[in-house]
Amino acid sequence: MPSSAGQSHPGSFPAASPAGRLQHRHTEELAELRGKLRRSHEECHAFQEQVDAAATVIMTLLAENAALREHATGRSAALIPIPLSRDENS
């Protein structure tokens, strides 16, 4: 029965050969890039959560502002002039 100790998988090269070292380097680089991509996705997700929270706050403030403006315009229909100097009453 043949031993699998000296055999390599199809498409792979022995680690001691230049092609094997290149393949090993590419595999390590691919793992590093996958890690960077995962971290980038996590960071993007965190930023999206911050944007969503900010949008919620902005919409709440806009609604409150509109309600305050509506309340303010409905309450003060008549203006009463206030004299600027005391000489007018004397």
Protein backbone atom coordinates (compact mmCIF):
# COMPACT_ATOMS: atom_id res chain seq x y z
CA MET A 1 0.00 0.00 0.00
CA PRO A 2 1.51 3.39 -0.97
CA SER A 3 2.33 5.86 1.78
CA SER A 4 0.78 9.33 1.60
CA ALA A 5 3.67 10.96 3.49
CA GLY A 6 5.61 11.97 0.37
CA GLN A 7 2.60 12.65 -1.83
CA SER A 8 1.07 16.06 -2.38
CA HIS A 9 -2.50 16.96 -3.15
CA PRO A 10 -3.47 17.58 -6.78
CA GLY A 11 -2.54 21.13 -7.74
CA SER A 12 -0.04 21.55 -4.92
CA PHE A 13 3.73 21.41 -4.91
CA PRO A 14 6.24 20.11 -2.37
CA ALA A 15 6.96 22.86 0.18
CA ALA A 16 10.72 22.74 -0.53
CA SER A 17 10.32 23.56 -4.23
CA PRO A 18 10.18 27.17 -5.48
CA ALA A 19 6.61 26.57 -6.68
CA GLY A 20 5.71 25.17 -3.25
CA ARG A 21 7.13 28.23 -1.49
CA LEU A 22 5.24 30.50 -3.88
CA GLN A 23 2.03 28.59 -3.28
CA HIS A 24 2.58 28.79 0.49
CA ARG A 25 3.17 32.55 0.24
CA HIS A 26 0.01 32.98 -1.83
CA THR A 27 -1.97 30.95 0.68
CA GLU A 28 -0.70 33.11 3.54
CA GLU A 29 -1.42 36.29 1.58
CA LEU A 30 -4.93 35.06 0.78
CA ALA A 31 -5.57 34.33 4.48
CA GLU A 32 -4.31 37.81 5.40
CA LEU A 33 -6.52 39.45 2.78
CA ARG A 34 -9.55 37.48 3.95
CA GLY A 35 -8.88 38.70 7.49
CA LYS A 36 -8.62 42.30 6.29
CA LEU A 37 -11.85 41.93 4.34
CA ARG A 38 -13.64 40.52 7.39
CA ARG A 39 -12.39 43.41 9.56
CA SER A 40 -13.41 45.88 6.86
CA HIS A 41 -16.92 44.42 6.76
CA GLU A 42 -17.16 44.66 10.55
CA GLU A 43 -16.02 48.29 10.47
CA CYS A 44 -18.47 49.10 7.68
CA HIS A 45 -21.29 47.52 9.69
CA ALA A 46 -20.37 49.61 12.74
CA PHE A 47 -20.34 52.81 10.64
CA GLN A 48 -23.73 51.91 9.17
CA GLU A 49 -25.14 51.52 12.68
CA GLN A 50 -23.79 54.98 13.57
CA VAL A 51 -25.33 56.49 10.42
CA ASP A 52 -28.67 54.85 11.21
CA ALA A 53 -28.58 56.20 14.77
CA ALA A 54 -27.70 59.70 13.55
CA ALA A 55 -30.54 59.58 10.99
CA THR A 56 -32.97 58.61 13.75
CA VAL A 57 -31.85 61.53 15.92
CA ILE A 58 -32.10 63.96 12.99
CA MET A 59 -35.62 62.78 12.10
CA THR A 60 -36.70 63.12 15.74
CA LEU A 61 -35.29 66.65 15.96
CA LEU A 62 -36.99 67.63 12.69
CA ALA A 63 -40.33 66.35 13.97
CA GLU A 64 -39.91 68.17 17.29
CA ASN A 65 -38.90 71.35 15.49
CA ALA A 66 -41.96 71.18 13.23
CA ALA A 67 -44.25 70.59 16.23
CA LEU A 68 -42.72 73.53 18.12
CA ARG A 69 -43.13 75.82 15.11
CA GLU A 70 -46.75 74.77 14.69
CA HIS A 71 -47.42 75.32 18.38
CA ALA A 72 -45.69 78.72 18.34
CA THR A 73 -47.64 80.04 15.33
CA GLY A 74 -50.99 78.88 16.70
CA ARG A 75 -50.48 80.50 20.10
CA SER A 76 -49.46 84.06 19.33
CA ALA A 77 -51.88 85.52 16.79
CA ALA A 78 -51.92 89.06 18.20
CA LEU A 79 -48.88 91.25 18.73
CA ILE A 80 -48.88 93.83 21.47
CA PRO A 81 -46.45 96.69 20.90
CA ILE A 82 -44.17 97.50 23.81
CA PRO A 83 -43.13 101.14 24.14
CA LEU A 84 -39.39 101.64 23.71
CA SER A 85 -39.06 104.75 25.85
CA ARG A 86 -40.77 105.99 29.00
CA ASP A 87 -41.35 109.39 27.45
CA GLU A 88 -44.36 108.14 25.48
CA ASN A 89 -46.36 107.48 28.68
CA SER A 90 -45.48 110.79 30.38
